[in-house]
Amino acid sequence: MKKRLNRYLYLAVLLLAMIVGGATDASATVYNWSRYDLSFETPDDGFVTFNSPTRFEIQWEDMVMTVQLYSQDKGDEKKMLTENLQRKAMGYNMYDLNMGKLKVKGFKKTYSIDGTMPDGSRAIIADLVSKKQNLIVEITVNYLYGNREVVEDMIKSFAENKKQQPNHERKRQKVQTRQKADREQEKAKKEQQQQQQSQPTKKEKLYDA
């Protein structure tokens, strides 16, 4: 009788584990970026804050992820991408920087850097170099301690569809190189500064109390 009871108890625990495991797998949301034949998974309950042809942002209570698409620049790929990652990390004032060894299957190369943000949270920036198209997928995740495994799972979930069909919409959509994007951003800053300097200073009016 005891053996039979133990067997039933074991089967009940096993069934419960299977149910919980199934619920855990189902808690992921799959996003398909059909224009570029990209797909990736994120934890459920994320709130999409921005979505354009070349940029995607999603956030949770303790984590924010941004995906930015660039076309590949010419030159030394490894040196250029690692320098760009370091430059971007410094732009966020990140410290305790480490060049990562993260690998994402299906992409030609993966370059990443991680470190600590000024507020004490963690951040990782990863560049995935496409095998199939002239594209770099840059993923930036800002997260709290304890979420590292979830963050790596999100980045590793990125995949390019194996069967690529002709996508005329993608051909019409131009993706900037990072260098061009940086130049345009710098140009916009200078124009804004010039406009501010050219505006006449307003005389302050004094009123009696």
Protein backbone atom coordinates (compact mmCIF):
# COMPACT_ATOMS: atom_id res chain seq x y z
CA MET A 1 0.00 0.00 0.00
CA LYS A 2 2.83 2.37 0.92
CA LYS A 3 4.63 1.66 -2.35
CA ARG A 4 1.49 2.37 -4.34
CA LEU A 5 0.89 5.61 -2.40
CA ASN A 6 4.48 6.72 -2.97
CA ARG A 7 4.15 5.94 -6.66
CA TYR A 8 0.97 8.05 -6.91
CA LEU A 9 2.66 10.84 -4.96
CA TYR A 10 5.67 10.72 -7.30
CA LEU A 11 3.40 10.87 -10.38
CA ALA A 12 1.46 13.79 -8.90
CA VAL A 13 4.69 15.75 -8.25
CA LEU A 14 5.95 14.93 -11.76
CA LEU A 15 2.66 16.08 -13.31
CA LEU A 16 2.77 19.30 -11.27
CA ALA A 17 6.33 19.95 -12.44
CA MET A 18 5.27 19.44 -16.06
CA ILE A 19 2.37 21.86 -15.63
CA VAL A 20 4.58 24.50 -14.00
CA GLY A 21 7.23 24.00 -16.68
CA GLY A 22 4.64 24.41 -19.40
CA ALA A 23 3.37 27.59 -17.76
CA THR A 24 6.91 28.96 -17.61
CA ASP A 25 7.50 28.30 -21.30
CA ALA A 26 4.18 29.94 -22.19
CA SER A 27 5.08 33.11 -20.26
CA ALA A 28 7.38 34.31 -23.05
CA THR A 29 6.19 36.69 -25.76
CA VAL A 30 7.53 36.16 -29.28
CA TYR A 31 8.09 39.19 -31.52
CA ASN A 32 8.53 38.85 -35.28
CA TRP A 33 10.24 41.67 -37.18
CA SER A 34 9.13 40.35 -40.58
CA ARG A 35 10.64 43.26 -42.49
CA TYR A 36 14.11 41.97 -41.57
CA ASP A 37 13.19 38.32 -40.99
CA LEU A 38 14.10 38.66 -37.29
CA SER A 39 12.39 37.10 -34.29
CA PHE A 40 13.09 37.23 -30.55
CA GLU A 41 11.49 36.39 -27.22
CA THR A 42 10.97 38.47 -24.12
CA PRO A 43 9.39 37.81 -20.72
CA ASP A 44 5.65 38.33 -20.64
CA ASP A 45 4.01 41.52 -19.34
CA GLY A 46 6.45 43.85 -21.10
CA PHE A 47 5.17 47.26 -22.21
CA VAL A 48 6.23 48.38 -25.70
CA THR A 49 7.20 52.07 -25.46
CA PHE A 50 8.52 52.61 -29.01
CA ASN A 51 8.22 50.74 -32.29
CA SER A 52 9.51 51.99 -35.66
CA PRO A 53 10.95 50.32 -38.80
CA THR A 54 14.46 50.37 -37.28
CA ARG A 55 13.99 50.70 -33.51
CA PHE A 56 12.07 48.80 -30.83
CA GLU A 57 11.84 49.53 -27.10
CA ILE A 58 10.15 47.53 -24.36
CA GLN A 59 10.21 47.87 -20.56
CA TRP A 60 9.25 46.06 -17.38
CA GLU A 61 9.34 47.16 -13.75
CA ASP A 62 12.99 46.15 -13.36
CA MET A 63 14.32 46.07 -16.93
CA VAL A 64 14.39 48.02 -20.22
CA MET A 65 15.45 46.68 -23.63
CA THR A 66 16.15 48.67 -26.79
CA VAL A 67 16.81 47.11 -30.21
CA GLN A 68 18.36 49.34 -32.87
CA LEU A 69 19.15 48.25 -36.43
CA TYR A 70 22.16 49.52 -38.37
CA SER A 71 23.62 48.67 -41.75
CA GLN A 72 27.19 47.35 -41.61
CA ASP A 73 30.05 49.81 -42.06
CA LYS A 74 33.11 49.00 -44.11
CA GLY A 75 36.42 48.43 -42.37
CA ASP A 76 37.85 46.28 -39.61
CA GLU A 77 34.68 44.69 -38.27
CA LYS A 78 35.95 43.54 -34.88
CA LYS A 79 37.95 46.68 -34.07
CA MET A 80 35.21 49.02 -35.26
CA LEU A 81 32.38 47.28 -33.41
CA THR A 82 34.28 46.90 -30.14
CA GLU A 83 35.31 50.56 -30.25
CA ASN A 84 31.71 51.58 -30.96
CA LEU A 85 30.50 49.51 -28.01
CA GLN A 86 33.07 51.11 -25.70
CA ARG A 87 32.13 54.57 -26.96
CA LYS A 88 28.45 53.94 -26.39
CA ALA A 89 29.07 52.55 -22.89
CA MET A 90 31.12 55.63 -22.02
CA GLY A 91 28.27 57.77 -23.34
CA TYR A 92 26.04 56.17 -20.71
CA ASN A 93 28.77 56.83 -18.08
CA MET A 94 29.02 53.10 -17.45
CA TYR A 95 31.94 51.87 -15.34
CA ASP A 96 33.51 48.50 -14.43
CA LEU A 97 33.32 47.68 -18.13
CA ASN A 98 33.94 44.16 -19.42
CA MET A 99 34.00 42.97 -23.01
CA GLY A 100 31.59 40.05 -23.04
CA LYS A 101 31.88 36.56 -24.50
CA LEU A 102 28.21 36.20 -25.32
CA LYS A 103 27.43 34.15 -28.44
CA VAL A 104 24.17 34.05 -30.34
CA LYS A 105 23.61 31.11 -32.69
CA GLY A 106 22.80 31.88 -36.30
CA PHE A 107 24.69 35.18 -36.41
CA LYS A 108 28.11 35.67 -37.95
CA LYS A 109 29.59 37.37 -34.88
CA THR A 110 28.46 38.65 -31.50
CA TYR A 111 30.22 41.49 -29.70
CA SER A 112 29.09 42.67 -26.27
CA ILE A 113 30.10 44.87 -23.36
CA ASP A 114 28.60 45.05 -19.88
CA GLY A 115 29.07 47.26 -16.87
CA THR A 116 27.44 49.29 -14.11
CA MET A 117 25.30 52.37 -14.67
CA PRO A 118 25.66 55.53 -12.54
CA ASP A 119 22.50 54.61 -10.58
CA GLY A 120 23.99 51.22 -9.64
CA SER A 121 21.93 49.14 -12.07
CA ARG A 122 23.55 46.91 -14.67
CA ALA A 123 23.63 47.25 -18.45
CA ILE A 124 24.74 45.18 -21.42
CA ILE A 125 25.12 46.25 -25.05
CA ALA A 126 25.39 43.56 -27.72
CA ASP A 127 25.95 43.80 -31.49
CA LEU A 128 24.76 40.84 -33.55
CA VAL A 129 26.26 40.72 -37.05
CA SER A 130 23.88 39.17 -39.57
CA LYS A 131 24.93 36.32 -41.85
CA LYS A 132 22.18 36.87 -44.38
CA GLN A 133 21.87 40.63 -44.79
CA ASN A 134 23.88 43.82 -44.44
CA LEU A 135 22.60 44.36 -40.94
CA ILE A 136 23.77 44.80 -37.35
CA VAL A 137 21.27 44.23 -34.56
CA GLU A 138 22.25 46.28 -31.51
CA ILE A 139 20.58 45.28 -28.25
CA THR A 140 20.86 47.41 -25.11
CA VAL A 141 19.41 46.14 -21.83
CA ASN A 142 19.38 48.05 -18.53
CA TYR A 143 18.46 45.75 -15.65
CA LEU A 144 18.66 45.20 -11.92
CA TYR A 145 20.89 42.61 -10.24
CA GLY A 146 19.44 39.14 -10.36
CA ASN A 147 18.10 39.45 -13.91
CA ARG A 148 21.30 38.55 -15.73
CA GLU A 149 20.13 35.09 -16.79
CA VAL A 150 16.85 36.50 -18.15
CA VAL A 151 18.77 39.18 -20.08
CA GLU A 152 21.11 36.65 -21.68
CA ASP A 153 18.16 34.43 -22.62
CA MET A 154 16.50 37.39 -24.36
CA ILE A 155 19.62 38.22 -26.36
CA LYS A 156 20.25 34.57 -27.26
CA SER A 157 16.65 34.23 -28.47
CA PHE A 158 17.31 36.53 -31.45
CA ALA A 159 17.18 34.59 -34.70
CA GLU A 160 16.99 35.16 -38.43
CA ASN A 161 14.37 33.10 -40.20
CA LYS A 162 15.95 30.19 -42.03
CA LYS A 163 13.71 30.49 -45.09
CA GLN A 164 14.14 34.03 -46.35
CA GLN A 165 11.57 35.16 -48.88
CA PRO A 166 12.02 38.25 -51.09
CA ASN A 167 10.92 41.24 -49.05
CA HIS A 168 10.37 44.30 -51.23
CA GLU A 169 9.30 46.36 -48.24
CA ARG A 170 12.70 45.77 -46.65
CA LYS A 171 14.51 46.93 -49.79
CA ARG A 172 12.65 50.24 -49.69
CA GLN A 173 13.52 50.77 -46.05
CA LYS A 174 17.00 52.24 -45.66
CA VAL A 175 18.88 51.45 -42.47
CA GLN A 176 21.51 53.98 -41.48
CA THR A 177 25.05 53.07 -40.59
CA ARG A 178 26.03 53.89 -37.03
CA GLN A 179 28.60 56.42 -38.26
CA LYS A 180 25.98 58.28 -40.30
CA ALA A 181 23.55 58.23 -37.38
CA ASP A 182 26.23 59.68 -35.08
CA ARG A 183 27.08 62.39 -37.63
CA GLU A 184 23.44 63.40 -38.02
CA GLN A 185 22.97 63.51 -34.25
CA GLU A 186 26.06 65.71 -33.87
CA LYS A 187 24.85 67.98 -36.69
CA ALA A 188 21.44 68.37 -35.03
CA LYS A 189 23.10 69.32 -31.73
CA LYS A 190 25.22 72.00 -33.44
CA GLU A 191 22.19 73.44 -35.26
CA GLN A 192 20.28 73.57 -31.99
CA GLN A 193 23.18 75.37 -30.28
CA GLN A 194 23.43 77.89 -33.14
CA GLN A 195 19.69 78.60 -32.95
CA GLN A 196 19.93 79.18 -29.21
CA GLN A 197 22.90 81.55 -29.64
CA SER A 198 21.22 83.52 -32.45
CA GLN A 199 18.04 84.18 -30.44
CA PRO A 200 17.99 87.72 -29.00
CA THR A 201 18.21 87.85 -25.24
CA LYS A 202 14.97 88.97 -23.62
CA LYS A 203 15.15 91.87 -21.20
CA GLU A 204 13.97 90.91 -17.77
CA LYS A 205 10.99 92.90 -16.56
CA LEU A 206 10.97 93.96 -12.94
CA TYR A 207 7.75 94.35 -11.03
CA ASP A 208 7.07 95.92 -7.67
CA ALA A 209 6.08 93.52 -4.96
